[in-house]
């Protein structure tokens, strides 16, 4: 996280990752609030240097969550 301070977060509500909770299948931003947040933050950090300075460390931490698999839904590819 910001300033290099480590932390542990636990997501215990299946609504954060319903596909993974039920069937060990990757979630998408359409099925998972957590995947949607990750996807949105990744978009933000690629927009400009201010967004990158504000959100890069959070995006990196969320992308690297142990035991959470997500992918972009095929319907979302190529969106503007």
PDB file of N, CA and C in Angstrom:
ATOM      1  N   UNK A   1       0.842  -1.182   0.000  1.00  0.00           N
ATOM      2  CA  UNK A   1       0.000   0.000   0.000  1.00  0.00           C
ATOM      3  C   UNK A   1       0.881   1.237   0.000  1.00  0.00           C
ATOM      4  N   UNK A   2       0.245   2.358   0.065  1.00  0.00           N
ATOM      5  CA  UNK A   2       0.977   3.615   0.033  1.00  0.00           C
ATOM      6  C   UNK A   2       1.980   3.662   1.165  1.00  0.00           C
ATOM      7  N   UNK A   3       3.194   4.034   0.845  1.00  0.00           N
ATOM      8  CA  UNK A   3       4.237   4.125   1.850  1.00  0.00           C
ATOM      9  C   UNK A   3       4.867   2.790   2.189  1.00  0.00           C
ATOM     10  N   UNK A   4       4.519   1.746   1.460  1.00  0.00           N
ATOM     11  CA  UNK A   4       5.116   0.440   1.694  1.00  0.00           C
ATOM     12  C   UNK A   4       4.653  -0.246   2.962  1.00  0.00           C
ATOM     13  N   UNK A   5       3.519   0.167   3.502  1.00  0.00           N
ATOM     14  CA  UNK A   5       3.011  -0.434   4.735  1.00  0.00           C
ATOM     15  C   UNK A   5       2.154  -1.654   4.374  1.00  0.00           C
ATOM     16  N   UNK A   6       2.589  -2.856   4.741  1.00  0.00           N
ATOM     17  CA  UNK A   6       1.811  -4.047   4.393  1.00  0.00           C
ATOM     18  C   UNK A   6       0.552  -4.173   5.250  1.00  0.00           C
ATOM     19  N   UNK A   7      -0.421  -4.884   4.728  1.00  0.00           N
ATOM     20  CA  UNK A   7      -1.624  -5.163   5.496  1.00  0.00           C
ATOM     21  C   UNK A   7      -2.240  -6.450   4.987  1.00  0.00           C
ATOM     22  N   UNK A   8      -3.128  -7.013   5.767  1.00  0.00           N
ATOM     23  CA  UNK A   8      -3.872  -8.208   5.380  1.00  0.00           C
ATOM     24  C   UNK A   8      -5.349  -7.843   5.379  1.00  0.00           C
ATOM     25  N   UNK A   9      -6.029  -8.177   4.287  1.00  0.00           N
ATOM     26  CA  UNK A   9      -7.466  -7.967   4.197  1.00  0.00           C
ATOM     27  C   UNK A   9      -8.102  -9.304   3.845  1.00  0.00           C
ATOM     28  N   UNK A  10      -9.244  -9.575   4.417  1.00  0.00           N
ATOM     29  CA  UNK A  10      -9.947 -10.814   4.151  1.00  0.00           C
ATOM     30  C   UNK A  10     -11.337 -10.486   3.624  1.00  0.00           C
ATOM     31  N   UNK A  11     -11.675 -11.036   2.473  1.00  0.00           N
ATOM     32  CA  UNK A  11     -12.991 -10.854   1.888  1.00  0.00           C
ATOM     33  C   UNK A  11     -13.778 -12.123   2.166  1.00  0.00           C
ATOM     34  N   UNK A  12     -14.811 -12.024   2.969  1.00  0.00           N
ATOM     35  CA  UNK A  12     -15.528 -13.213   3.395  1.00  0.00           C
ATOM     36  C   UNK A  12     -16.947 -13.297   2.831  1.00  0.00           C
ATOM     37  N   UNK A  13     -17.436 -12.269   2.222  1.00  0.00           N
ATOM     38  CA  UNK A  13     -18.775 -12.265   1.656  1.00  0.00           C
ATOM     39  C   UNK A  13     -18.709 -12.826   0.238  1.00  0.00           C
ATOM     40  N   UNK A  14     -19.509 -13.839  -0.052  1.00  0.00           N
ATOM     41  CA  UNK A  14     -19.485 -14.468  -1.372  1.00  0.00           C
ATOM     42  C   UNK A  14     -19.877 -13.499  -2.484  1.00  0.00           C
ATOM     43  N   UNK A  15     -20.561 -12.399  -2.173  1.00  0.00           N
ATOM     44  CA  UNK A  15     -20.916 -11.425  -3.202  1.00  0.00           C
ATOM     45  C   UNK A  15     -19.677 -10.763  -3.794  1.00  0.00           C
ATOM     46  N   UNK A  16     -18.566 -10.792  -3.070  1.00  0.00           N
ATOM     47  CA  UNK A  16     -17.323 -10.222  -3.596  1.00  0.00           C
ATOM     48  C   UNK A  16     -16.785 -11.095  -4.721  1.00  0.00           C
ATOM     49  N   UNK A  17     -17.032 -12.385  -4.677  1.00  0.00           N
ATOM     50  CA  UNK A  17     -16.513 -13.314  -5.684  1.00  0.00           C
ATOM     51  C   UNK A  17     -17.410 -14.546  -5.765  1.00  0.00           C
ATOM     52  N   UNK A  18     -18.636 -14.413  -6.250  1.00  0.00           N
ATOM     53  CA  UNK A  18     -19.581 -15.535  -6.215  1.00  0.00           C
ATOM     54  C   UNK A  18     -19.168 -16.739  -7.065  1.00  0.00           C
ATOM     55  N   UNK A  19     -18.612 -16.531  -8.254  1.00  0.00           N
ATOM     56  CA  UNK A  19     -18.190 -17.674  -9.080  1.00  0.00           C
ATOM     57  C   UNK A  19     -17.100 -18.470  -8.394  1.00  0.00           C
ATOM     58  N   UNK A  20     -16.141 -17.770  -7.823  1.00  0.00           N
ATOM     59  CA  UNK A  20     -15.035 -18.451  -7.163  1.00  0.00           C
ATOM     60  C   UNK A  20     -15.506 -19.138  -5.880  1.00  0.00           C
ATOM     61  N   UNK A  21     -16.418 -18.495  -5.151  1.00  0.00           N
ATOM     62  CA  UNK A  21     -16.918 -19.078  -3.905  1.00  0.00           C
ATOM     63  C   UNK A  21     -17.709 -20.366  -4.159  1.00  0.00           C
ATOM     64  N   UNK A  22     -18.469 -20.409  -5.250  1.00  0.00           N
ATOM     65  CA  UNK A  22     -19.317 -21.569  -5.525  1.00  0.00           C
ATOM     66  C   UNK A  22     -18.593 -22.666  -6.291  1.00  0.00           C
ATOM     67  N   UNK A  23     -17.847 -22.296  -7.321  1.00  0.00           N
ATOM     68  CA  UNK A  23     -17.324 -23.302  -8.243  1.00  0.00           C
ATOM     69  C   UNK A  23     -15.826 -23.191  -8.505  1.00  0.00           C
ATOM     70  N   UNK A  24     -15.126 -22.344  -7.779  1.00  0.00           N
ATOM     71  CA  UNK A  24     -13.693 -22.140  -8.002  1.00  0.00           C
ATOM     72  C   UNK A  24     -13.408 -21.705  -9.437  1.00  0.00           C
ATOM     73  N   UNK A  25     -14.341 -20.957 -10.035  1.00  0.00           N
ATOM     74  CA  UNK A  25     -14.184 -20.417 -11.380  1.00  0.00           C
ATOM     75  C   UNK A  25     -13.844 -18.931 -11.299  1.00  0.00           C
ATOM     76  N   UNK A  26     -13.065 -18.429 -12.252  1.00  0.00           N
ATOM     77  CA  UNK A  26     -12.738 -16.999 -12.213  1.00  0.00           C
ATOM     78  C   UNK A  26     -13.984 -16.122 -12.283  1.00  0.00           C
ATOM     79  N   UNK A  27     -13.959 -15.036 -11.550  1.00  0.00           N
ATOM     80  CA  UNK A  27     -15.025 -14.049 -11.613  1.00  0.00           C
ATOM     81  C   UNK A  27     -14.678 -13.003 -12.660  1.00  0.00           C
ATOM     82  N   UNK A  28     -15.658 -12.188 -12.998  1.00  0.00           N
ATOM     83  CA  UNK A  28     -15.469 -11.085 -13.937  1.00  0.00           C
ATOM     84  C   UNK A  28     -16.029  -9.820 -13.288  1.00  0.00           C
ATOM     85  N   UNK A  29     -15.759  -8.657 -13.852  1.00  0.00           N
ATOM     86  CA  UNK A  29     -16.368  -7.436 -13.320  1.00  0.00           C
ATOM     87  C   UNK A  29     -17.899  -7.458 -13.353  1.00  0.00           C
ATOM     88  N   UNK A  30     -18.474  -8.307 -14.201  1.00  0.00           N
ATOM     89  CA  UNK A  30     -19.939  -8.422 -14.250  1.00  0.00           C
ATOM     90  C   UNK A  30     -20.492  -9.288 -13.118  1.00  0.00           C
ATOM     91  N   UNK A  31     -19.680 -10.205 -12.581  1.00  0.00           N
ATOM     92  CA  UNK A  31     -20.177 -11.121 -11.554  1.00  0.00           C
ATOM     93  C   UNK A  31     -19.687 -10.781 -10.154  1.00  0.00           C
ATOM     94  N   UNK A  32     -18.643  -9.986 -10.055  1.00  0.00           N
ATOM     95  CA  UNK A  32     -17.996  -9.779  -8.762  1.00  0.00           C
ATOM     96  C   UNK A  32     -17.721  -8.305  -8.509  1.00  0.00           C
ATOM     97  N   UNK A  33     -18.153  -7.826  -7.367  1.00  0.00           N
ATOM     98  CA  UNK A  33     -17.863  -6.447  -6.984  1.00  0.00           C
ATOM     99  C   UNK A  33     -16.360  -6.243  -6.833  1.00  0.00           C
ATOM    100  N   UNK A  34     -15.672  -7.215  -6.280  1.00  0.00           N
ATOM    101  CA  UNK A  34     -14.225  -7.108  -6.112  1.00  0.00           C
ATOM    102  C   UNK A  34     -13.517  -7.012  -7.468  1.00  0.00           C
ATOM    103  N   UNK A  35     -13.901  -7.859  -8.426  1.00  0.00           N
ATOM    104  CA  UNK A  35     -13.305  -7.804  -9.766  1.00  0.00           C
ATOM    105  C   UNK A  35     -13.625  -6.477 -10.447  1.00  0.00           C
ATOM    106  N   UNK A  36     -14.826  -5.951 -10.233  1.00  0.00           N
ATOM    107  CA  UNK A  36     -15.196  -4.661 -10.824  1.00  0.00           C
ATOM    108  C   UNK A  36     -14.336  -3.532 -10.257  1.00  0.00           C
ATOM    109  N   UNK A  37     -14.070  -3.568  -8.965  1.00  0.00           N
ATOM    110  CA  UNK A  37     -13.217  -2.557  -8.337  1.00  0.00           C
ATOM    111  C   UNK A  37     -11.798  -2.649  -8.887  1.00  0.00           C
ATOM    112  N   UNK A  38     -11.277  -3.861  -8.998  1.00  0.00           N
ATOM    113  CA  UNK A  38      -9.929  -4.050  -9.532  1.00  0.00           C
ATOM    114  C   UNK A  38      -9.854  -3.522 -10.966  1.00  0.00           C
ATOM    115  N   UNK A  39     -10.825  -3.888 -11.781  1.00  0.00           N
ATOM    116  CA  UNK A  39     -10.848  -3.464 -13.178  1.00  0.00           C
ATOM    117  C   UNK A  39     -10.901  -1.938 -13.285  1.00  0.00           C
ATOM    118  N   UNK A  40     -11.740  -1.316 -12.489  1.00  0.00           N
ATOM    119  CA  UNK A  40     -11.869   0.138 -12.504  1.00  0.00           C
ATOM    120  C   UNK A  40     -10.572   0.821 -12.068  1.00  0.00           C
ATOM    121  N   UNK A  41      -9.965   0.336 -11.003  1.00  0.00           N
ATOM    122  CA  UNK A  41      -8.701   0.919 -10.552  1.00  0.00           C
ATOM    123  C   UNK A  41      -7.596   0.755 -11.589  1.00  0.00           C
ATOM    124  N   UNK A  42      -7.556  -0.390 -12.259  1.00  0.00           N
ATOM    125  CA  UNK A  42      -6.559  -0.593 -13.312  1.00  0.00           C
ATOM    126  C   UNK A  42      -6.765   0.393 -14.459  1.00  0.00           C
ATOM    127  N   UNK A  43      -8.018   0.664 -14.794  1.00  0.00           N
ATOM    128  CA  UNK A  43      -8.299   1.686 -15.810  1.00  0.00           C
ATOM    129  C   UNK A  43      -7.830   3.059 -15.344  1.00  0.00           C
ATOM    130  N   UNK A  44      -8.112   3.397 -14.087  1.00  0.00           N
ATOM    131  CA  UNK A  44      -7.711   4.705 -13.553  1.00  0.00           C
ATOM    132  C   UNK A  44      -6.208   4.908 -13.617  1.00  0.00           C
ATOM    133  N   UNK A  45      -5.419   3.908 -13.223  1.00  0.00           N
ATOM    134  CA  UNK A  45      -3.968   4.096 -13.167  1.00  0.00           C
ATOM    135  C   UNK A  45      -3.357   4.218 -14.555  1.00  0.00           C
ATOM    136  N   UNK A  46      -4.085   3.806 -15.572  1.00  0.00           N
ATOM    137  CA  UNK A  46      -3.593   3.950 -16.935  1.00  0.00           C
ATOM    138  C   UNK A  46      -4.026   5.260 -17.588  1.00  0.00           C
ATOM    139  N   UNK A  47      -4.868   6.054 -16.908  1.00  0.00           N
ATOM    140  CA  UNK A  47      -5.373   7.292 -17.494  1.00  0.00           C
ATOM    141  C   UNK A  47      -4.378   8.442 -17.446  1.00  0.00           C
ATOM    142  N   UNK A  48      -3.820   8.707 -16.285  1.00  0.00           N
ATOM    143  CA  UNK A  48      -2.910   9.840 -16.153  1.00  0.00           C
ATOM    144  C   UNK A  48      -2.027   9.664 -14.919  1.00  0.00           C
ATOM    145  N   UNK A  49      -1.028  10.526 -14.791  1.00  0.00           N
ATOM    146  CA  UNK A  49      -0.058  10.378 -13.704  1.00  0.00           C
ATOM    147  C   UNK A  49      -0.666  10.662 -12.335  1.00  0.00           C
ATOM    148  N   UNK A  50      -1.651  11.520 -12.259  1.00  0.00           N
ATOM    149  CA  UNK A  50      -2.285  11.816 -10.965  1.00  0.00           C
ATOM    150  C   UNK A  50      -3.044  10.586 -10.469  1.00  0.00           C
ATOM    151  N   UNK A  51      -3.825   9.982 -11.342  1.00  0.00           N
ATOM    152  CA  UNK A  51      -4.546   8.764 -10.969  1.00  0.00           C
ATOM    153  C   UNK A  51      -3.571   7.657 -10.608  1.00  0.00           C
ATOM    154  N   UNK A  52      -2.477   7.571 -11.348  1.00  0.00           N
ATOM    155  CA  UNK A  52      -1.470   6.557 -11.053  1.00  0.00           C
ATOM    156  C   UNK A  52      -0.870   6.781  -9.670  1.00  0.00           C
ATOM    157  N   UNK A  53      -0.555   8.028  -9.343  1.00  0.00           N
ATOM    158  CA  UNK A  53       0.014   8.331  -8.028  1.00  0.00           C
ATOM    159  C   UNK A  53      -0.967   8.001  -6.904  1.00  0.00           C
ATOM    160  N   UNK A  54      -2.244   8.236  -7.146  1.00  0.00           N
ATOM    161  CA  UNK A  54      -3.249   8.008  -6.112  1.00  0.00           C
ATOM    162  C   UNK A  54      -3.626   6.538  -5.947  1.00  0.00           C
ATOM    163  N   UNK A  55      -3.716   5.798  -7.043  1.00  0.00           N
ATOM    164  CA  UNK A  55      -4.333   4.476  -6.996  1.00  0.00           C
ATOM    165  C   UNK A  55      -3.425   3.297  -7.326  1.00  0.00           C
ATOM    166  N   UNK A  56      -2.196   3.530  -7.809  1.00  0.00           N
ATOM    167  CA  UNK A  56      -1.353   2.424  -8.255  1.00  0.00           C
ATOM    168  C   UNK A  56      -1.091   1.400  -7.154  1.00  0.00           C
ATOM    169  N   UNK A  57      -0.762   1.844  -5.962  1.00  0.00           N
ATOM    170  CA  UNK A  57      -0.437   0.891  -4.900  1.00  0.00           C
ATOM    171  C   UNK A  57      -1.655   0.060  -4.498  1.00  0.00           C
ATOM    172  N   UNK A  58      -2.828   0.672  -4.502  1.00  0.00           N
ATOM    173  CA  UNK A  58      -4.047  -0.072  -4.176  1.00  0.00           C
ATOM    174  C   UNK A  58      -4.360  -1.076  -5.283  1.00  0.00           C
ATOM    175  N   UNK A  59      -4.254  -0.635  -6.535  1.00  0.00           N
ATOM    176  CA  UNK A  59      -4.511  -1.529  -7.668  1.00  0.00           C
ATOM    177  C   UNK A  59      -3.551  -2.715  -7.639  1.00  0.00           C
ATOM    178  N   UNK A  60      -2.277  -2.458  -7.405  1.00  0.00           N
ATOM    179  CA  UNK A  60      -1.295  -3.544  -7.345  1.00  0.00           C
ATOM    180  C   UNK A  60      -1.628  -4.544  -6.248  1.00  0.00           C
ATOM    181  N   UNK A  61      -2.013  -4.049  -5.092  1.00  0.00           N
ATOM    182  CA  UNK A  61      -2.348  -4.935  -3.975  1.00  0.00           C
ATOM    183  C   UNK A  61      -3.573  -5.786  -4.296  1.00  0.00           C
ATOM    184  N   UNK A  62      -4.587  -5.187  -4.901  1.00  0.00           N
ATOM    185  CA  UNK A  62      -5.802  -5.933  -5.214  1.00  0.00           C
ATOM    186  C   UNK A  62      -5.581  -6.945  -6.334  1.00  0.00           C
ATOM    187  N   UNK A  63      -4.774  -6.597  -7.330  1.00  0.00           N
ATOM    188  CA  UNK A  63      -4.485  -7.522  -8.422  1.00  0.00           C
ATOM    189  C   UNK A  63      -3.781  -8.772  -7.898  1.00  0.00           C
ATOM    190  N   UNK A  64      -3.015  -8.616  -6.836  1.00  0.00           N
ATOM    191  CA  UNK A  64      -2.227  -9.721  -6.298  1.00  0.00           C
ATOM    192  C   UNK A  64      -2.868 -10.424  -5.106  1.00  0.00           C
ATOM    193  N   UNK A  65      -4.178 -10.377  -4.989  1.00  0.00           N
ATOM    194  CA  UNK A  65      -4.866 -11.063  -3.895  1.00  0.00           C
ATOM    195  C   UNK A  65      -4.668 -12.569  -4.035  1.00  0.00           C
ATOM    196  N   UNK A  66      -4.169 -13.191  -2.987  1.00  0.00           N
ATOM    197  CA  UNK A  66      -3.986 -14.642  -2.980  1.00  0.00           C
ATOM    198  C   UNK A  66      -5.342 -15.340  -3.014  1.00  0.00           C
ATOM    199  N   UNK A  67      -5.491 -16.292  -3.915  1.00  0.00           N
ATOM    200  CA  UNK A  67      -6.695 -17.107  -3.948  1.00  0.00           C
ATOM    201  C   UNK A  67      -7.880 -16.476  -4.643  1.00  0.00           C
ATOM    202  N   UNK A  68      -7.696 -15.353  -5.323  1.00  0.00           N
ATOM    203  CA  UNK A  68      -8.811 -14.738  -6.061  1.00  0.00           C
ATOM    204  C   UNK A  68      -8.427 -14.682  -7.530  1.00  0.00           C
ATOM    205  N   UNK A  69      -9.216 -15.340  -8.351  1.00  0.00           N
ATOM    206  CA  UNK A  69      -8.977 -15.356  -9.789  1.00  0.00           C
ATOM    207  C   UNK A  69     -10.084 -14.588 -10.486  1.00  0.00           C
ATOM    208  N   UNK A  70      -9.682 -13.672 -11.352  1.00  0.00           N
ATOM    209  CA  UNK A  70     -10.670 -12.897 -12.097  1.00  0.00           C
ATOM    210  C   UNK A  70     -10.146 -12.670 -13.502  1.00  0.00           C
ATOM    211  N   UNK A  71     -11.054 -12.346 -14.387  1.00  0.00           N
ATOM    212  CA  UNK A  71     -10.697 -12.065 -15.771  1.00  0.00           C
ATOM    213  C   UNK A  71     -11.714 -11.079 -16.340  1.00  0.00           C
ATOM    214  N   UNK A  72     -11.340 -10.450 -17.441  1.00  0.00           N
ATOM    215  CA  UNK A  72     -12.266  -9.540 -18.105  1.00  0.00           C
ATOM    216  C   UNK A  72     -13.286 -10.375 -18.866  1.00  0.00           C
ATOM    217  N   UNK A  73     -14.545 -10.041 -18.711  1.00  0.00           N
ATOM    218  CA  UNK A  73     -15.622 -10.712 -19.421  1.00  0.00           C
ATOM    219  C   UNK A  73     -15.476 -10.408 -20.915  1.00  0.00           C
ATOM    220  N   UNK A  74     -15.666 -11.401 -21.766  1.00  0.00           N
ATOM    221  CA  UNK A  74     -15.556 -11.218 -23.209  1.00  0.00           C
ATOM    222  C   UNK A  74     -16.447 -10.113 -23.735  1.00  0.00           C
ATOM    223  N   UNK A  75     -17.570  -9.873 -23.078  1.00  0.00           N
ATOM    224  CA  UNK A  75     -18.485  -8.805 -23.503  1.00  0.00           C
ATOM    225  C   UNK A  75     -17.903  -7.424 -23.228  1.00  0.00           C
ATOM    226  N   UNK A  76     -16.876  -7.361 -22.364  1.00  0.00           N
ATOM    227  CA  UNK A  76     -16.275  -6.080 -22.017  1.00  0.00           C
ATOM    228  C   UNK A  76     -15.036  -5.753 -22.851  1.00  0.00           C
ATOM    229  N   UNK A  77     -14.563  -6.697 -23.622  1.00  0.00           N
ATOM    230  CA  UNK A  77     -13.356  -6.448 -24.441  1.00  0.00           C
ATOM    231  C   UNK A  77     -13.643  -5.370 -25.471  1.00  0.00           C
ATOM    232  N   UNK A  78     -12.688  -4.475 -25.623  1.00  0.00           N
ATOM    233  CA  UNK A  78     -12.835  -3.422 -26.621  1.00  0.00           C
ATOM    234  C   UNK A  78     -13.737  -2.283 -26.213  1.00  0.00           C
ATOM    235  N   UNK A  79     -14.133  -2.228 -24.956  1.00  0.00           N
ATOM    236  CA  UNK A  79     -14.997  -1.132 -24.524  1.00  0.00           C
ATOM    237  C   UNK A  79     -14.204   0.175 -24.479  1.00  0.00           C
ATOM    238  N   UNK A  80     -14.877   1.257 -24.589  1.00  0.00           N
ATOM    239  CA  UNK A  80     -14.221   2.574 -24.589  1.00  0.00           C
ATOM    240  C   UNK A  80     -14.391   3.231 -23.261  1.00  0.00           C
TER     241      UNK A  80
END
